Amino acid sequence: MTTSSESEWARAVKVIDGASQVCLACHVRPDADALGSMLAMLHALGTRPGGAPSVVASFGDEPFEIPAILRFLPGLELLTPPDGYPAQPEVMLSFDAGSIDRLGALTWPAEAAGELIVLDHHASNAGFGTINLVDPAAAATAVLAAELVDRLGIPLTEQIALGLYAGLVTDTGSFKFSATTPAVHELAARLLATGIDPGVVSRELYDRAPFSYLGLLAAALGRVRLEPEAAGEGCEPTKQGPLVRLKEVVTPLEGRLERLLPCRRSMARRAENPEPVVEPLRDRRGTECSEAAGRELECQWQAVESKADSGNIDRVLLVKHEARCRRSSALHEQPHGFIAHQVARPERLLGVRDVERRNPEHDLARHAQGLATGGEDREPWR
């Protein structure tokens, strides 16, 4: 582990200023911090005021392939495959490599380089360069690359900023890691001020996974288990209450004509009471029916609390007490998949028998007990 001194920074700037060719490299299988920082420096040196040195940039993967999620970064067309990289660079800059072997096929050019400037933020980096700009406290190598751009007197452009911002986002976990200091946010503000779109960066980095990734993720999560020894004391699996099948009964609003919607089934945790869903009754032309149309449904509802064990289900079922208005005509509500041909037996609509003939509290308690044990509700009171 090294911490770059002011003299190291001054020497790095002097070496780059006097070079006729600068070669850039990052670690194999580059991430956004490695490739983004290198491409940012590539753009920076290419636009340097007062004359720019010849710049070659690459990474040591063979075959030489750009990671799919990083193909939005600007400057990829300027990269050189490893076989076209100079064998003895005059000045070489290494980005985000914790050790020289992480340069892959570019390890040998790095060993033969006249000056090797290492930019890295890994604590494991022992300083394998002739000039080591290594800071383990830095949130990303992009922070060090931005510092070098500033010290070289190169103004930030949108192309430079995009590579640096991509590295900053990934290595701070979208600014969630503890290394995210006020200085990191200040740097992010400077980069965004150039005009880059943070939404585009986020989508490209995190929302472009192939569909097959979801299957892999599902398989991995399905086998996850907690290791108490590794998690430490006090970390126990969350105890979740059993899921019970609840039956929502749609109730009409008092004083309005409402449509009886089909009973909706859902899975809910115990003690969760979904609110009833209501929808105004409309005729076939889509207009709300009036009282003069003679189709008013007058219903009186009574809340009967289940006698079942409250530890299994805390639910109040709404029971139809009496249908005062019985019609001989069928009630069709096909848009919602609900058809009741026998209004003469309204208790069948809700699965609850007429309270005049049966004891609803007894039936409800037995039905609720069945629900808690996972049984299906297929006319349980027949």
Protein backbone atom coordinates (compact mmCIF):
# COMPACT_ATOMS: atom_id res chain seq x y z
CA MET A 1 0.00 0.00 0.00
CA THR A 2 1.31 3.43 -0.92
CA THR A 3 -0.02 6.93 -0.62
CA SER A 4 1.03 9.24 -3.40
CA SER A 5 2.93 12.32 -2.32
CA GLU A 6 2.94 15.76 -3.83
CA SER A 7 6.34 15.07 -5.32
CA GLU A 8 4.99 11.99 -7.10
CA TRP A 9 2.19 14.02 -8.67
CA ALA A 10 4.64 16.71 -9.81
CA ARG A 11 6.96 14.12 -11.31
CA ALA A 12 4.10 12.42 -13.17
CA VAL A 13 3.04 15.70 -14.74
CA LYS A 14 6.64 16.48 -15.77
CA VAL A 15 7.13 13.05 -17.36
CA ILE A 16 3.90 13.28 -19.37
CA ASP A 17 4.68 16.86 -20.45
CA GLY A 18 8.02 15.81 -21.92
CA ALA A 19 6.85 12.59 -23.62
CA SER A 20 6.42 12.26 -27.38
CA GLN A 21 4.33 9.12 -26.94
CA VAL A 22 2.21 7.98 -24.01
CA CYS A 23 0.84 4.44 -23.79
CA LEU A 24 -2.21 3.71 -21.65
CA ALA A 25 -3.30 0.35 -20.21
CA CYS A 26 -5.85 -1.01 -17.76
CA HIS A 27 -6.38 -4.40 -16.17
CA VAL A 28 -7.76 -7.42 -18.04
CA ARG A 29 -11.53 -7.91 -18.21
CA PRO A 30 -11.90 -4.22 -17.45
CA ASP A 31 -14.75 -2.76 -15.44
CA ALA A 32 -16.16 0.75 -15.81
CA ASP A 33 -13.57 2.27 -13.48
CA ALA A 34 -10.59 0.79 -15.34
CA LEU A 35 -11.79 1.30 -18.90
CA GLY A 36 -13.61 4.56 -18.17
CA SER A 37 -10.55 6.13 -16.51
CA MET A 38 -8.24 5.04 -19.34
CA LEU A 39 -10.58 6.35 -22.05
CA ALA A 40 -10.98 9.63 -20.17
CA MET A 41 -7.19 10.08 -20.17
CA LEU A 42 -7.07 9.12 -23.85
CA HIS A 43 -9.52 11.93 -24.68
CA ALA A 44 -7.76 14.34 -22.32
CA LEU A 45 -4.30 13.86 -23.85
CA GLY A 46 -5.75 14.07 -27.33
CA THR A 47 -7.27 17.50 -26.65
CA ARG A 48 -4.42 18.92 -24.60
CA PRO A 49 -3.66 22.57 -25.40
CA GLY A 50 -0.24 23.30 -26.87
CA GLY A 51 0.24 20.04 -28.73
CA ALA A 52 -0.69 16.47 -27.89
CA PRO A 53 1.63 13.45 -27.70
CA SER A 54 0.96 10.28 -29.65
CA VAL A 55 -1.33 8.13 -27.51
CA VAL A 56 -1.88 4.36 -27.61
CA ALA A 57 -4.46 2.69 -25.35
CA SER A 58 -5.30 -0.98 -24.80
CA PHE A 59 -5.86 -3.75 -22.27
CA GLY A 60 -4.28 -7.20 -22.20
CA ASP A 61 -7.16 -9.51 -23.05
CA GLU A 62 -6.71 -12.04 -25.85
CA PRO A 63 -9.03 -12.22 -27.68
CA PHE A 64 -9.47 -8.49 -27.44
CA GLU A 65 -13.16 -7.87 -26.71
CA ILE A 66 -14.93 -4.90 -25.14
CA PRO A 67 -17.31 -5.89 -22.30
CA ALA A 68 -20.88 -5.55 -23.57
CA ILE A 69 -22.07 -3.24 -20.80
CA LEU A 70 -19.22 -0.78 -21.49
CA ARG A 71 -19.78 -0.35 -25.21
CA PHE A 72 -21.52 2.98 -24.63
CA LEU A 73 -18.28 4.64 -23.53
CA PRO A 74 -16.85 7.11 -26.06
CA GLY A 75 -13.47 6.41 -27.64
CA LEU A 76 -13.63 2.63 -28.03
CA GLU A 77 -12.78 2.96 -31.71
CA LEU A 78 -9.45 4.51 -30.67
CA LEU A 79 -8.28 1.42 -28.77
CA THR A 80 -5.45 -0.76 -30.06
CA PRO A 81 -5.36 -4.57 -29.67
CA PRO A 82 -2.48 -5.90 -27.52
CA ASP A 83 -0.54 -7.16 -30.53
CA GLY A 84 -0.30 -3.58 -31.80
CA TYR A 85 0.96 -2.18 -28.50
CA PRO A 86 4.56 -0.86 -28.37
CA ALA A 87 6.97 -3.38 -26.87
CA GLN A 88 9.03 -0.69 -25.08
CA PRO A 89 6.83 2.33 -24.31
CA GLU A 90 8.54 5.61 -23.56
CA VAL A 91 5.92 6.45 -20.93
CA MET A 92 3.18 4.05 -19.84
CA LEU A 93 0.21 4.70 -17.58
CA SER A 94 -1.55 1.82 -15.81
CA PHE A 95 -5.15 2.25 -14.58
CA ASP A 96 -6.87 0.31 -11.77
CA ALA A 97 -4.42 -2.63 -11.76
CA GLY A 98 -3.47 -3.80 -8.28
CA SER A 99 -0.43 -5.68 -9.54
CA ILE A 100 1.56 -5.85 -12.75
CA ASP A 101 0.29 -9.30 -13.70
CA ARG A 102 -3.25 -7.86 -13.87
CA LEU A 103 -2.18 -6.21 -17.13
CA GLY A 104 -2.29 -9.59 -18.88
CA ALA A 105 -0.62 -9.48 -22.30
CA LEU A 106 0.63 -5.95 -21.55
CA THR A 107 2.73 -7.10 -18.59
CA TRP A 108 5.89 -7.29 -20.70
CA PRO A 109 5.56 -3.78 -22.19
CA ALA A 110 4.99 -2.51 -18.64
CA GLU A 111 8.20 -4.12 -17.41
CA ALA A 112 10.12 -2.65 -20.36
CA ALA A 113 8.65 0.87 -20.15
CA GLY A 114 10.98 3.85 -19.60
CA GLU A 115 8.53 5.30 -17.06
CA LEU A 116 5.58 3.41 -15.62
CA ILE A 117 2.99 5.61 -13.91
CA VAL A 118 0.54 3.59 -11.81
CA LEU A 119 -2.89 5.04 -10.96
CA ASP A 120 -4.80 2.81 -8.55
CA HIS A 121 -6.91 2.80 -5.39
CA HIS A 122 -6.48 -0.81 -4.24
CA ALA A 123 -4.93 -1.31 -0.81
CA SER A 124 -3.12 -4.40 -2.09
CA ASN A 125 -1.08 -2.36 -4.56
CA ALA A 126 2.54 -2.45 -3.44
CA GLY A 127 3.66 0.10 -6.03
CA PHE A 128 5.03 -1.68 -9.09
CA GLY A 129 5.63 1.47 -11.12
CA THR A 130 8.43 4.00 -11.30
CA ILE A 131 5.82 6.59 -10.28
CA ASN A 132 2.98 5.40 -8.06
CA LEU A 133 -0.17 7.50 -7.78
CA VAL A 134 -1.86 5.05 -5.42
CA ASP A 135 -4.40 6.11 -2.81
CA PRO A 136 -6.41 3.37 -1.00
CA ALA A 137 -8.70 6.05 0.44
CA ALA A 138 -9.82 7.10 -3.02
CA ALA A 139 -13.33 5.95 -3.93
CA ALA A 140 -12.24 4.96 -7.45
CA THR A 141 -9.30 5.14 -9.83
CA ALA A 142 -11.46 7.67 -11.68
CA VAL A 143 -10.84 10.08 -8.79
CA LEU A 144 -7.08 9.83 -9.35
CA ALA A 145 -7.48 10.12 -13.12
CA ALA A 146 -9.55 13.28 -12.67
CA GLU A 147 -6.83 14.67 -10.39
CA LEU A 148 -4.18 14.02 -13.04
CA VAL A 149 -6.31 15.66 -15.75
CA ASP A 150 -6.64 18.75 -13.55
CA ARG A 151 -2.91 18.87 -12.80
CA LEU A 152 -2.14 18.62 -16.53
CA GLY A 153 -4.27 21.73 -17.04
CA ILE A 154 -6.77 19.98 -19.31
CA PRO A 155 -10.37 21.26 -19.08
CA LEU A 156 -13.13 18.69 -18.63
CA THR A 157 -15.19 17.88 -21.69
CA GLU A 158 -18.28 15.71 -22.01
CA GLN A 159 -16.25 12.80 -23.42
CA ILE A 160 -13.70 12.97 -20.60
CA ALA A 161 -16.41 13.31 -17.98
CA LEU A 162 -18.47 10.36 -19.21
CA GLY A 163 -15.66 7.84 -18.68
CA LEU A 164 -14.79 9.27 -15.26
CA TYR A 165 -18.42 9.34 -14.16
CA ALA A 166 -18.98 5.71 -15.17
CA GLY A 167 -16.01 4.67 -13.04
CA LEU A 168 -17.18 6.81 -10.14
CA VAL A 169 -20.71 5.36 -10.20
CA THR A 170 -19.65 1.71 -10.27
CA ASP A 171 -16.90 1.84 -7.66
CA THR A 172 -19.04 3.79 -5.18
CA GLY A 173 -22.00 1.45 -5.65
CA SER A 174 -24.04 4.33 -7.10
CA PHE A 175 -22.73 6.57 -4.30
CA LYS A 176 -23.76 4.17 -1.52
CA PHE A 177 -20.37 2.91 -0.28
CA SER A 178 -18.61 4.41 2.72
CA ALA A 179 -15.86 5.85 0.51
CA THR A 180 -18.44 8.26 -0.94
CA THR A 181 -17.16 11.49 0.61
CA PRO A 182 -18.26 15.09 0.04
CA ALA A 183 -15.32 15.40 -2.36
CA VAL A 184 -16.74 12.51 -4.41
CA HIS A 185 -20.07 14.30 -4.76
CA GLU A 186 -18.27 17.50 -5.69
CA LEU A 187 -16.41 15.65 -8.43
CA ALA A 188 -19.66 14.09 -9.63
CA ALA A 189 -21.20 17.58 -9.80
CA ARG A 190 -18.31 18.82 -11.92
CA LEU A 191 -18.65 15.88 -14.29
CA LEU A 192 -22.43 16.32 -14.62
CA ALA A 193 -21.94 20.02 -15.32
CA THR A 194 -20.33 19.09 -18.65
CA GLY A 195 -23.72 17.89 -19.90
CA ILE A 196 -23.56 14.12 -19.50
CA ASP A 197 -26.84 12.33 -18.71
CA PRO A 198 -26.63 10.27 -15.48
CA GLY A 199 -29.76 8.37 -16.48
CA VAL A 200 -28.08 7.05 -19.62
CA VAL A 201 -25.06 5.89 -17.62
CA SER A 202 -27.26 4.13 -15.09
CA ARG A 203 -29.34 2.35 -17.73
CA GLU A 204 -26.28 1.18 -19.66
CA LEU A 205 -24.48 -0.10 -16.57
CA TYR A 206 -27.36 -1.67 -14.65
CA ASP A 207 -30.38 -2.19 -16.91
CA ARG A 208 -28.90 -3.88 -19.97
CA ALA A 209 -28.54 -7.42 -18.60
CA PRO A 210 -29.67 -10.18 -21.01
CA PHE A 211 -32.93 -11.96 -20.26
CA SER A 212 -31.03 -15.14 -19.38
CA TYR A 213 -29.55 -13.28 -16.41
CA LEU A 214 -32.95 -13.35 -14.70
CA GLY A 215 -33.03 -17.16 -14.82
CA LEU A 216 -29.54 -17.32 -13.37
CA LEU A 217 -30.48 -14.86 -10.63
CA ALA A 218 -33.63 -16.83 -9.78
CA ALA A 219 -31.66 -20.06 -9.54
CA ALA A 220 -29.07 -18.46 -7.27
CA LEU A 221 -31.64 -16.84 -4.96
CA GLY A 222 -33.55 -20.11 -4.75
CA ARG A 223 -30.52 -21.77 -3.15
CA VAL A 224 -29.56 -18.95 -0.80
CA ARG A 225 -29.18 -19.76 2.88
CA LEU A 226 -28.05 -17.86 5.94
CA GLU A 227 -24.77 -18.84 7.60
CA PRO A 228 -25.30 -17.71 11.23
CA GLU A 229 -21.59 -17.99 12.07
CA ALA A 230 -20.61 -15.73 9.20
CA ALA A 231 -23.50 -13.31 9.81
CA GLY A 232 -22.61 -12.89 13.49
CA GLU A 233 -24.67 -12.87 16.63
CA GLY A 234 -28.15 -11.47 16.53
CA CYS A 235 -28.62 -12.21 12.82
CA GLU A 236 -31.44 -14.68 12.49
CA PRO A 237 -33.71 -15.41 9.55
CA THR A 238 -36.79 -13.24 9.55
CA LYS A 239 -39.76 -15.24 10.73
CA GLN A 240 -42.61 -14.63 8.35
CA GLY A 241 -46.18 -15.47 9.16
CA PRO A 242 -47.94 -18.10 7.08
CA LEU A 243 -49.67 -16.99 3.95
CA VAL A 244 -53.40 -17.61 4.04
CA ARG A 245 -55.87 -17.33 1.22
CA LEU A 246 -58.25 -14.46 1.71
CA LYS A 247 -61.45 -13.73 -0.13
CA GLU A 248 -62.29 -10.13 -0.88
CA VAL A 249 -65.98 -9.31 -0.98
CA VAL A 250 -66.87 -6.28 -3.02
CA THR A 251 -69.31 -4.03 -1.22
CA PRO A 252 -71.49 -1.23 -2.61
CA LEU A 253 -71.09 2.30 -1.39
CA GLU A 254 -74.12 3.41 0.57
CA GLY A 255 -76.40 5.68 -1.37
CA ARG A 256 -75.00 4.76 -4.77
CA LEU A 257 -75.59 2.08 -7.32
CA GLU A 258 -72.60 -0.20 -7.49
CA ARG A 259 -71.67 -3.18 -9.59
CA LEU A 260 -71.08 -6.49 -7.88
CA LEU A 261 -67.57 -7.39 -8.94
CA PRO A 262 -66.34 -10.98 -8.87
CA CYS A 263 -64.84 -12.11 -5.60
CA ARG A 264 -61.11 -11.64 -5.89
CA ARG A 265 -58.70 -14.08 -4.35
CA SER A 266 -55.29 -12.97 -3.18
CA MET A 267 -52.49 -14.12 -0.96
CA ALA A 268 -51.98 -11.90 2.06
CA ARG A 269 -50.21 -12.19 5.34
CA ARG A 270 -52.25 -12.64 8.42
CA ALA A 271 -53.52 -9.43 9.99
CA GLU A 272 -53.51 -7.76 6.56
CA ASN A 273 -57.01 -6.70 5.58
CA PRO A 274 -57.29 -5.62 1.95
CA GLU A 275 -59.70 -2.77 1.46
CA PRO A 276 -62.88 -3.60 -0.48
CA VAL A 277 -62.84 -2.58 -4.11
CA VAL A 278 -65.86 -0.76 -5.46
CA GLU A 279 -66.87 0.23 -8.95
CA PRO A 280 -69.96 2.17 -10.05
CA LEU A 281 -72.63 0.18 -11.91
CA ARG A 282 -72.83 1.29 -15.51
CA ASP A 283 -75.23 0.26 -18.20
CA ARG A 284 -74.18 -1.22 -21.55
CA ARG A 285 -73.66 2.25 -23.04
CA GLY A 286 -71.14 3.16 -20.34
CA THR A 287 -73.32 5.72 -18.51
CA GLU A 288 -74.15 5.41 -14.86
CA CYS A 289 -77.61 4.05 -14.14
CA SER A 290 -80.08 6.25 -12.32
CA GLU A 291 -82.57 5.29 -9.65
CA ALA A 292 -85.40 5.83 -12.12
CA ALA A 293 -84.08 2.97 -14.22
CA GLY A 294 -85.51 0.62 -11.65
CA ARG A 295 -82.35 -1.46 -11.24
CA GLU A 296 -81.38 -0.47 -7.73
CA LEU A 297 -79.90 -3.21 -5.63
CA GLU A 298 -80.63 -2.65 -1.96
CA CYS A 299 -78.38 -4.67 0.22
CA GLN A 300 -77.80 -4.67 3.90
CA TRP A 301 -74.49 -6.02 5.03
CA GLN A 302 -73.52 -7.23 8.41
CA ALA A 303 -69.94 -7.69 9.61
CA VAL A 304 -69.49 -11.00 11.32
CA GLU A 305 -66.18 -11.55 13.02
CA SER A 306 -64.69 -14.97 12.48
CA LYS A 307 -64.49 -17.20 15.52
CA ALA A 308 -61.39 -18.89 14.15
CA ASP A 309 -58.08 -18.73 15.94
CA SER A 310 -56.82 -15.16 15.56
CA GLY A 311 -53.29 -16.53 15.27
CA ASN A 312 -54.20 -18.10 11.95
CA ILE A 313 -56.41 -15.44 10.40
CA ASP A 314 -57.49 -11.97 11.49
CA ARG A 315 -60.15 -11.23 8.97
CA VAL A 316 -63.71 -9.93 9.08
CA LEU A 317 -65.79 -11.36 6.27
CA LEU A 318 -68.69 -9.38 5.00
CA VAL A 319 -71.83 -11.50 4.91
CA LYS A 320 -74.97 -10.69 3.05
CA HIS A 321 -77.78 -10.64 5.58
CA GLU A 322 -80.78 -10.43 3.37
CA ALA A 323 -81.64 -9.56 -0.23
CA ARG A 324 -84.74 -7.48 0.03
CA CYS A 325 -85.03 -7.04 -3.68
CA ARG A 326 -85.22 -10.37 -5.51
CA ARG A 327 -85.60 -10.27 -9.25
CA SER A 328 -86.59 -12.94 -11.64
CA SER A 329 -84.34 -11.68 -14.41
CA ALA A 330 -80.70 -12.76 -14.62
CA LEU A 331 -77.92 -10.36 -13.74
CA HIS A 332 -75.17 -10.35 -16.33
CA GLU A 333 -71.84 -8.69 -15.65
CA GLN A 334 -69.77 -10.27 -18.36
CA PRO A 335 -67.10 -7.54 -18.55
CA HIS A 336 -65.93 -8.75 -15.15
CA GLY A 337 -66.48 -12.44 -15.77
CA PHE A 338 -69.42 -12.62 -13.33
CA ILE A 339 -72.76 -14.21 -14.30
CA ALA A 340 -75.52 -14.99 -11.81
CA HIS A 341 -78.51 -16.68 -13.37
CA GLN A 342 -80.35 -17.51 -10.15
CA VAL A 343 -80.91 -14.40 -8.12
CA ALA A 344 -83.47 -16.39 -6.17
CA ARG A 345 -80.52 -17.97 -4.35
CA PRO A 346 -78.38 -14.88 -3.58
CA GLU A 347 -76.42 -16.73 -0.97
CA ARG A 348 -74.64 -18.66 -3.75
CA LEU A 349 -73.11 -15.39 -5.03
CA LEU A 350 -70.97 -15.07 -1.94
CA GLY A 351 -70.64 -18.71 -0.95
CA VAL A 352 -72.60 -17.99 2.25
CA ARG A 353 -75.99 -19.58 2.89
CA ASP A 354 -79.03 -17.65 3.98
CA VAL A 355 -78.67 -16.66 7.61
CA GLU A 356 -82.30 -17.60 8.20
CA ARG A 357 -81.52 -21.27 7.51
CA ARG A 358 -77.92 -21.65 8.74
CA ASN A 359 -75.73 -20.28 11.46
CA PRO A 360 -73.26 -18.05 9.56
CA GLU A 361 -70.92 -17.62 12.51
CA HIS A 362 -70.46 -21.36 12.79
CA ASP A 363 -69.93 -21.69 9.04
CA LEU A 364 -67.53 -18.77 8.87
CA ALA A 365 -65.41 -20.10 11.72
CA ARG A 366 -65.13 -23.48 10.00
CA HIS A 367 -64.38 -21.83 6.63
CA ALA A 368 -61.73 -19.53 8.11
CA GLN A 369 -60.05 -22.51 9.73
CA GLY A 370 -59.93 -24.18 6.33
CA LEU A 371 -58.43 -21.09 4.75
CA ALA A 372 -55.69 -20.92 7.36
CA THR A 373 -54.67 -24.50 6.61
CA GLY A 374 -54.40 -23.76 2.89
CA GLY A 375 -57.64 -25.36 1.74
CA GLU A 376 -59.38 -24.15 -1.42
CA ASP A 377 -62.74 -22.44 -1.16
CA ARG A 378 -64.91 -24.59 -3.38
CA GLU A 379 -68.44 -24.11 -1.95
CA PRO A 380 -67.44 -25.28 1.54
CA TRP A 381 -70.94 -24.85 3.00
CA ARG A 382 -72.79 -27.22 0.72
